[in-house]
Amino acid sequence: MIRRSYFLPVMAALFLACPVVSYCMEFGYIDAAKVFSKYSETQKTKNYLESEKAKLQVVLDTKKKSLAELDSKYIDTAKKLQALRDGKKEKEAQALEGKLKAQREELANANADLQKFFEESQKRLYQIEEEKMGSLSKFLDEKMDQIIQQVAKSKNLEAVFEKRFCYFGGTDITEEVLAALNTAFPKPAEGTAAPVPAPAPKKTSGK
């Protein structure tokens, strides 16, 4: 650990040796997180992801409704079968067993299909988010230096730091950089994402 009695004279010597740097250097800082979140293409990407999630939710709701209907029919058939057996109507009960079996299989298949659709769709949405946000982040990394240099030059700044590392002083150029970025680079190149899978045709059981 550096002793206080040694540290202070060293710092004092540095300030005395570099008075221009210590007191006259004009520097700025930028909030990179704010630039990323407020960048127009970031907003468009977020809206796109929300629209894809909304489409997925519509499909999921449709599948859940269909599954609930199949379950209701299965329960209704099972109750009828039990009532026939309670009434000692075995012949009629046996005739209903085939229908109940078919409904049970249809219900199991629909449930498995719903689970598979959910898992695959969530995976695909995650991939879309990774691709789009990753591409956007890379694009900003490539263009930010150019924009920052332009803004810094216009304000006669000798250096620009990230906000997290600037504890005191400096000029905040976040808004200027954001405005310049949205004007100069409004839309990076994007790939076409695969659409969210459509629901499979509903199967009907034989009567």
C-alpha atoms as a PDB file:
ATOM      1  CA  MET A   1       0.000   0.000   0.000  1.00  0.00           C
ATOM      2  CA  ILE A   2       1.291   3.515  -0.860  1.00  0.00           C
ATOM      3  CA  ARG A   3       1.811   5.586   2.277  1.00  0.00           C
ATOM      4  CA  ARG A   4      -0.018   8.939   2.408  1.00  0.00           C
ATOM      5  CA  SER A   5       3.214  10.830   3.195  1.00  0.00           C
ATOM      6  CA  TYR A   6       4.729   9.511  -0.082  1.00  0.00           C
ATOM      7  CA  PHE A   7       1.653   9.718  -2.293  1.00  0.00           C
ATOM      8  CA  LEU A   8       0.835  13.403  -1.766  1.00  0.00           C
ATOM      9  CA  PRO A   9       4.310  14.786  -2.667  1.00  0.00           C
ATOM     10  CA  VAL A  10       4.363  12.640  -5.811  1.00  0.00           C
ATOM     11  CA  MET A  11       0.944  13.944  -6.949  1.00  0.00           C
ATOM     12  CA  ALA A  12       1.975  17.509  -6.149  1.00  0.00           C
ATOM     13  CA  ALA A  13       5.104  17.088  -8.235  1.00  0.00           C
ATOM     14  CA  LEU A  14       3.085  15.781 -11.170  1.00  0.00           C
ATOM     15  CA  PHE A  15       0.679  18.736 -11.060  1.00  0.00           C
ATOM     16  CA  LEU A  16       3.548  21.214 -10.866  1.00  0.00           C
ATOM     17  CA  ALA A  17       5.393  19.528 -13.710  1.00  0.00           C
ATOM     18  CA  CYS A  18       2.276  19.469 -15.985  1.00  0.00           C
ATOM     19  CA  PRO A  19       0.279  22.628 -15.203  1.00  0.00           C
ATOM     20  CA  VAL A  20      -1.249  22.850 -18.685  1.00  0.00           C
ATOM     21  CA  VAL A  21      -2.601  19.289 -18.652  1.00  0.00           C
ATOM     22  CA  SER A  22      -3.794  19.582 -15.056  1.00  0.00           C
ATOM     23  CA  TYR A  23      -5.707  22.812 -15.368  1.00  0.00           C
ATOM     24  CA  CYS A  24      -6.282  23.662 -19.041  1.00  0.00           C
ATOM     25  CA  MET A  25      -7.202  20.403 -20.735  1.00  0.00           C
ATOM     26  CA  GLU A  26     -10.727  20.492 -22.155  1.00  0.00           C
ATOM     27  CA  PHE A  27     -12.358  17.081 -22.168  1.00  0.00           C
ATOM     28  CA  GLY A  28     -15.803  15.597 -22.615  1.00  0.00           C
ATOM     29  CA  TYR A  29     -17.653  12.470 -21.632  1.00  0.00           C
ATOM     30  CA  ILE A  30     -20.382  10.322 -23.143  1.00  0.00           C
ATOM     31  CA  ASP A  31     -23.043   8.022 -21.697  1.00  0.00           C
ATOM     32  CA  ALA A  32     -22.631   5.028 -24.045  1.00  0.00           C
ATOM     33  CA  ALA A  33     -25.553   3.122 -22.528  1.00  0.00           C
ATOM     34  CA  LYS A  34     -27.880   6.056 -23.158  1.00  0.00           C
ATOM     35  CA  VAL A  35     -26.691   6.402 -26.751  1.00  0.00           C
ATOM     36  CA  PHE A  36     -27.397   2.724 -27.398  1.00  0.00           C
ATOM     37  CA  SER A  37     -30.856   2.771 -25.800  1.00  0.00           C
ATOM     38  CA  LYS A  38     -31.936   6.062 -27.421  1.00  0.00           C
ATOM     39  CA  TYR A  39     -30.508   5.382 -30.876  1.00  0.00           C
ATOM     40  CA  SER A  40     -33.380   5.336 -33.388  1.00  0.00           C
ATOM     41  CA  GLU A  41     -32.467   1.905 -34.761  1.00  0.00           C
ATOM     42  CA  THR A  42     -32.391   0.466 -31.239  1.00  0.00           C
ATOM     43  CA  GLN A  43     -35.973   1.625 -30.771  1.00  0.00           C
ATOM     44  CA  LYS A  44     -36.992   0.112 -34.115  1.00  0.00           C
ATOM     45  CA  THR A  45     -35.311  -3.169 -33.213  1.00  0.00           C
ATOM     46  CA  LYS A  46     -37.084  -3.288 -29.863  1.00  0.00           C
ATOM     47  CA  ASN A  47     -40.416  -2.610 -31.569  1.00  0.00           C
ATOM     48  CA  TYR A  48     -39.731  -5.381 -34.065  1.00  0.00           C
ATOM     49  CA  LEU A  49     -38.938  -7.847 -31.285  1.00  0.00           C
ATOM     50  CA  GLU A  50     -42.109  -6.872 -29.440  1.00  0.00           C
ATOM     51  CA  SER A  51     -44.162  -7.414 -32.596  1.00  0.00           C
ATOM     52  CA  GLU A  52     -42.648 -10.891 -33.031  1.00  0.00           C
ATOM     53  CA  LYS A  53     -43.444 -11.730 -29.419  1.00  0.00           C
ATOM     54  CA  ALA A  54     -47.002 -10.502 -29.926  1.00  0.00           C
ATOM     55  CA  LYS A  55     -47.396 -12.785 -32.958  1.00  0.00           C
ATOM     56  CA  LEU A  56     -46.121 -15.684 -30.911  1.00  0.00           C
ATOM     57  CA  GLN A  57     -48.577 -14.911 -28.132  1.00  0.00           C
ATOM     58  CA  VAL A  58     -51.491 -14.965 -30.595  1.00  0.00           C
ATOM     59  CA  VAL A  59     -50.474 -18.412 -31.828  1.00  0.00           C
ATOM     60  CA  LEU A  60     -49.976 -19.675 -28.287  1.00  0.00           C
ATOM     61  CA  ASP A  61     -53.385 -18.393 -27.216  1.00  0.00           C
ATOM     62  CA  THR A  62     -54.980 -20.136 -30.204  1.00  0.00           C
ATOM     63  CA  LYS A  63     -53.278 -23.423 -29.378  1.00  0.00           C
ATOM     64  CA  LYS A  64     -54.188 -23.136 -25.694  1.00  0.00           C
ATOM     65  CA  LYS A  65     -57.827 -22.492 -26.578  1.00  0.00           C
ATOM     66  CA  SER A  66     -57.861 -25.513 -28.885  1.00  0.00           C
ATOM     67  CA  LEU A  67     -56.264 -27.647 -26.185  1.00  0.00           C
ATOM     68  CA  ALA A  68     -58.846 -26.494 -23.644  1.00  0.00           C
ATOM     69  CA  GLU A  69     -61.670 -27.422 -26.042  1.00  0.00           C
ATOM     70  CA  LEU A  70     -60.211 -30.891 -26.598  1.00  0.00           C
ATOM     71  CA  ASP A  71     -59.839 -31.360 -22.853  1.00  0.00           C
ATOM     72  CA  SER A  72     -63.453 -30.320 -22.283  1.00  0.00           C
ATOM     73  CA  LYS A  73     -64.686 -32.790 -24.907  1.00  0.00           C
ATOM     74  CA  TYR A  74     -62.576 -35.558 -23.426  1.00  0.00           C
ATOM     75  CA  ILE A  75     -63.924 -34.942 -19.928  1.00  0.00           C
ATOM     76  CA  ASP A  76     -67.486 -34.854 -21.267  1.00  0.00           C
ATOM     77  CA  THR A  77     -67.030 -38.187 -23.036  1.00  0.00           C
ATOM     78  CA  ALA A  78     -65.420 -39.726 -19.953  1.00  0.00           C
ATOM     79  CA  LYS A  79     -68.387 -38.637 -17.819  1.00  0.00           C
ATOM     80  CA  LYS A  80     -70.851 -40.136 -20.296  1.00  0.00           C
ATOM     81  CA  LEU A  81     -68.911 -43.399 -20.311  1.00  0.00           C
ATOM     82  CA  GLN A  82     -68.890 -43.548 -16.533  1.00  0.00           C
ATOM     83  CA  ALA A  83     -72.624 -42.832 -16.410  1.00  0.00           C
ATOM     84  CA  LEU A  84     -73.299 -45.713 -18.808  1.00  0.00           C
ATOM     85  CA  ARG A  85     -71.241 -48.074 -16.691  1.00  0.00           C
ATOM     86  CA  ASP A  86     -72.963 -46.932 -13.541  1.00  0.00           C
ATOM     87  CA  GLY A  87     -76.261 -47.678 -15.279  1.00  0.00           C
ATOM     88  CA  LYS A  88     -75.080 -51.176 -16.229  1.00  0.00           C
ATOM     89  CA  LYS A  89     -75.195 -50.305 -19.926  1.00  0.00           C
ATOM     90  CA  GLU A  90     -71.989 -52.086 -20.853  1.00  0.00           C
ATOM     91  CA  LYS A  91     -72.757 -52.462 -24.560  1.00  0.00           C
ATOM     92  CA  GLU A  92     -73.259 -48.736 -24.994  1.00  0.00           C
ATOM     93  CA  ALA A  93     -70.238 -48.044 -22.784  1.00  0.00           C
ATOM     94  CA  GLN A  94     -68.017 -50.241 -24.909  1.00  0.00           C
ATOM     95  CA  ALA A  95     -69.160 -48.418 -28.041  1.00  0.00           C
ATOM     96  CA  LEU A  96     -68.029 -45.140 -26.442  1.00  0.00           C
ATOM     97  CA  GLU A  97     -64.589 -46.423 -25.393  1.00  0.00           C
ATOM     98  CA  GLY A  98     -63.185 -46.038 -28.915  1.00  0.00           C
ATOM     99  CA  LYS A  99     -64.183 -42.388 -29.039  1.00  0.00           C
ATOM    100  CA  LEU A 100     -62.675 -41.746 -25.615  1.00  0.00           C
ATOM    101  CA  LYS A 101     -59.397 -43.392 -26.656  1.00  0.00           C
ATOM    102  CA  ALA A 102     -59.199 -41.282 -29.828  1.00  0.00           C
ATOM    103  CA  GLN A 103     -59.862 -38.093 -27.860  1.00  0.00           C
ATOM    104  CA  ARG A 104     -57.216 -39.049 -25.302  1.00  0.00           C
ATOM    105  CA  GLU A 105     -54.625 -39.484 -28.063  1.00  0.00           C
ATOM    106  CA  GLU A 106     -55.650 -36.238 -29.751  1.00  0.00           C
ATOM    107  CA  LEU A 107     -55.380 -34.396 -26.448  1.00  0.00           C
ATOM    108  CA  ALA A 108     -51.921 -35.832 -25.756  1.00  0.00           C
ATOM    109  CA  ASN A 109     -50.719 -34.906 -29.257  1.00  0.00           C
ATOM    110  CA  ALA A 110     -52.093 -31.374 -28.976  1.00  0.00           C
ATOM    111  CA  ASN A 111     -50.397 -30.905 -25.605  1.00  0.00           C
ATOM    112  CA  ALA A 112     -47.057 -32.156 -26.986  1.00  0.00           C
ATOM    113  CA  ASP A 113     -47.443 -29.901 -30.026  1.00  0.00           C
ATOM    114  CA  LEU A 114     -48.078 -26.875 -27.814  1.00  0.00           C
ATOM    115  CA  GLN A 115     -45.009 -27.586 -25.708  1.00  0.00           C
ATOM    116  CA  LYS A 116     -42.817 -28.112 -28.773  1.00  0.00           C
ATOM    117  CA  PHE A 117     -44.094 -24.949 -30.436  1.00  0.00           C
ATOM    118  CA  PHE A 118     -43.461 -22.891 -27.309  1.00  0.00           C
ATOM    119  CA  GLU A 119     -39.894 -24.149 -26.864  1.00  0.00           C
ATOM    120  CA  GLU A 120     -38.948 -23.747 -30.538  1.00  0.00           C
ATOM    121  CA  SER A 121     -40.515 -20.301 -30.812  1.00  0.00           C
ATOM    122  CA  GLN A 122     -38.801 -19.048 -27.666  1.00  0.00           C
ATOM    123  CA  LYS A 123     -35.488 -20.321 -29.005  1.00  0.00           C
ATOM    124  CA  ARG A 124     -36.057 -18.598 -32.330  1.00  0.00           C
ATOM    125  CA  LEU A 125     -37.027 -15.309 -30.685  1.00  0.00           C
ATOM    126  CA  TYR A 126     -33.866 -15.464 -28.584  1.00  0.00           C
ATOM    127  CA  GLN A 127     -31.816 -16.023 -31.751  1.00  0.00           C
ATOM    128  CA  ILE A 128     -33.499 -13.076 -33.480  1.00  0.00           C
ATOM    129  CA  GLU A 129     -32.773 -10.829 -30.496  1.00  0.00           C
ATOM    130  CA  GLU A 130     -29.137 -11.954 -30.355  1.00  0.00           C
ATOM    131  CA  GLU A 131     -28.683 -11.436 -34.091  1.00  0.00           C
ATOM    132  CA  LYS A 132     -30.329  -8.019 -34.273  1.00  0.00           C
ATOM    133  CA  MET A 133     -28.965  -6.543 -31.053  1.00  0.00           C
ATOM    134  CA  GLY A 134     -25.531  -8.010 -31.748  1.00  0.00           C
ATOM    135  CA  SER A 135     -25.526  -6.563 -35.257  1.00  0.00           C
ATOM    136  CA  LEU A 136     -26.661  -3.194 -33.926  1.00  0.00           C
ATOM    137  CA  SER A 137     -23.997  -3.171 -31.216  1.00  0.00           C
ATOM    138  CA  LYS A 138     -21.295  -4.018 -33.756  1.00  0.00           C
ATOM    139  CA  PHE A 139     -22.556  -1.287 -36.076  1.00  0.00           C
ATOM    140  CA  LEU A 140     -22.392   1.306 -33.299  1.00  0.00           C
ATOM    141  CA  ASP A 141     -18.889   0.205 -32.315  1.00  0.00           C
ATOM    142  CA  GLU A 142     -17.774   0.834 -35.888  1.00  0.00           C
ATOM    143  CA  LYS A 143     -19.411   4.260 -36.230  1.00  0.00           C
ATOM    144  CA  MET A 144     -19.186   5.773 -32.750  1.00  0.00           C
ATOM    145  CA  ASP A 145     -15.508   6.760 -32.919  1.00  0.00           C
ATOM    146  CA  GLN A 146     -16.122   8.758 -36.083  1.00  0.00           C
ATOM    147  CA  ILE A 147     -19.074  10.618 -34.580  1.00  0.00           C
ATOM    148  CA  ILE A 148     -17.330  11.269 -31.261  1.00  0.00           C
ATOM    149  CA  GLN A 149     -14.292  12.686 -33.043  1.00  0.00           C
ATOM    150  CA  GLN A 150     -16.475  15.020 -35.080  1.00  0.00           C
ATOM    151  CA  VAL A 151     -18.356  16.322 -32.029  1.00  0.00           C
ATOM    152  CA  ALA A 152     -15.180  16.621 -29.964  1.00  0.00           C
ATOM    153  CA  LYS A 153     -13.477  18.591 -32.724  1.00  0.00           C
ATOM    154  CA  SER A 154     -16.430  20.978 -33.015  1.00  0.00           C
ATOM    155  CA  LYS A 155     -16.193  21.684 -29.270  1.00  0.00           C
ATOM    156  CA  ASN A 156     -12.374  21.825 -29.151  1.00  0.00           C
ATOM    157  CA  LEU A 157     -12.187  18.887 -26.782  1.00  0.00           C
ATOM    158  CA  GLU A 158      -8.834  17.163 -26.420  1.00  0.00           C
ATOM    159  CA  ALA A 159     -10.234  13.905 -25.041  1.00  0.00           C
ATOM    160  CA  VAL A 160     -13.540  12.133 -24.484  1.00  0.00           C
ATOM    161  CA  PHE A 161     -14.206   9.558 -21.743  1.00  0.00           C
ATOM    162  CA  GLU A 162     -17.010   7.155 -20.942  1.00  0.00           C
ATOM    163  CA  LYS A 163     -19.306   8.607 -18.278  1.00  0.00           C
ATOM    164  CA  ARG A 164     -18.635   5.764 -15.849  1.00  0.00           C
ATOM    165  CA  PHE A 165     -14.990   6.811 -15.638  1.00  0.00           C
ATOM    166  CA  CYS A 166     -15.582  10.535 -15.338  1.00  0.00           C
ATOM    167  CA  TYR A 167     -16.201  11.498 -11.703  1.00  0.00           C
ATOM    168  CA  PHE A 168     -15.861  15.255 -11.946  1.00  0.00           C
ATOM    169  CA  GLY A 169     -15.792  18.015 -14.585  1.00  0.00           C
ATOM    170  CA  GLY A 170     -15.895  17.639 -18.322  1.00  0.00           C
ATOM    171  CA  THR A 171     -18.543  18.403 -20.928  1.00  0.00           C
ATOM    172  CA  ASP A 172     -21.396  15.984 -21.539  1.00  0.00           C
ATOM    173  CA  ILE A 173     -21.621  15.431 -25.309  1.00  0.00           C
ATOM    174  CA  THR A 174     -24.060  12.493 -25.176  1.00  0.00           C
ATOM    175  CA  GLU A 175     -26.983  14.321 -26.783  1.00  0.00           C
ATOM    176  CA  GLU A 176     -24.813  15.807 -29.542  1.00  0.00           C
ATOM    177  CA  VAL A 177     -23.354  12.397 -30.375  1.00  0.00           C
ATOM    178  CA  LEU A 178     -26.805  10.805 -30.355  1.00  0.00           C
ATOM    179  CA  ALA A 179     -28.239  13.479 -32.650  1.00  0.00           C
ATOM    180  CA  ALA A 180     -25.300  13.201 -35.046  1.00  0.00           C
ATOM    181  CA  LEU A 181     -25.538   9.416 -35.042  1.00  0.00           C
ATOM    182  CA  ASN A 182     -29.257   9.418 -35.858  1.00  0.00           C
ATOM    183  CA  THR A 183     -28.669  11.918 -38.662  1.00  0.00           C
ATOM    184  CA  ALA A 184     -25.574  10.341 -40.208  1.00  0.00           C
ATOM    185  CA  PHE A 185     -26.454   6.658 -39.732  1.00  0.00           C
ATOM    186  CA  PRO A 186     -30.223   6.257 -39.459  1.00  0.00           C
ATOM    187  CA  LYS A 187     -30.399   2.651 -40.606  1.00  0.00           C
ATOM    188  CA  PRO A 188     -27.758  -0.125 -40.590  1.00  0.00           C
ATOM    189  CA  ALA A 189     -28.059  -3.089 -42.939  1.00  0.00           C
ATOM    190  CA  GLU A 190     -30.295  -5.819 -41.586  1.00  0.00           C
ATOM    191  CA  GLY A 191     -30.920  -9.433 -42.495  1.00  0.00           C
ATOM    192  CA  THR A 192     -34.356 -10.915 -42.856  1.00  0.00           C
ATOM    193  CA  ALA A 193     -35.412 -12.915 -39.832  1.00  0.00           C
ATOM    194  CA  ALA A 194     -37.380 -16.098 -40.178  1.00  0.00           C
ATOM    195  CA  PRO A 195     -41.052 -15.643 -39.247  1.00  0.00           C
ATOM    196  CA  VAL A 196     -42.582 -17.130 -36.149  1.00  0.00           C
ATOM    197  CA  PRO A 197     -43.979 -20.589 -37.032  1.00  0.00           C
ATOM    198  CA  ALA A 198     -47.694 -20.697 -37.842  1.00  0.00           C
ATOM    199  CA  PRO A 199     -49.989 -23.039 -35.925  1.00  0.00           C
ATOM    200  CA  ALA A 200     -50.439 -26.509 -37.372  1.00  0.00           C
ATOM    201  CA  PRO A 201     -53.890 -27.424 -38.765  1.00  0.00           C
ATOM    202  CA  LYS A 202     -56.226 -28.641 -36.066  1.00  0.00           C
ATOM    203  CA  LYS A 203     -56.930 -32.383 -36.119  1.00  0.00           C
ATOM    204  CA  THR A 204     -60.408 -33.692 -35.557  1.00  0.00           C
ATOM    205  CA  SER A 205     -61.219 -36.981 -33.945  1.00  0.00           C
ATOM    206  CA  GLY A 206     -63.576 -39.451 -35.493  1.00  0.00           C
ATOM    207  CA  LYS A 207     -66.988 -39.872 -33.993  1.00  0.00           C
END
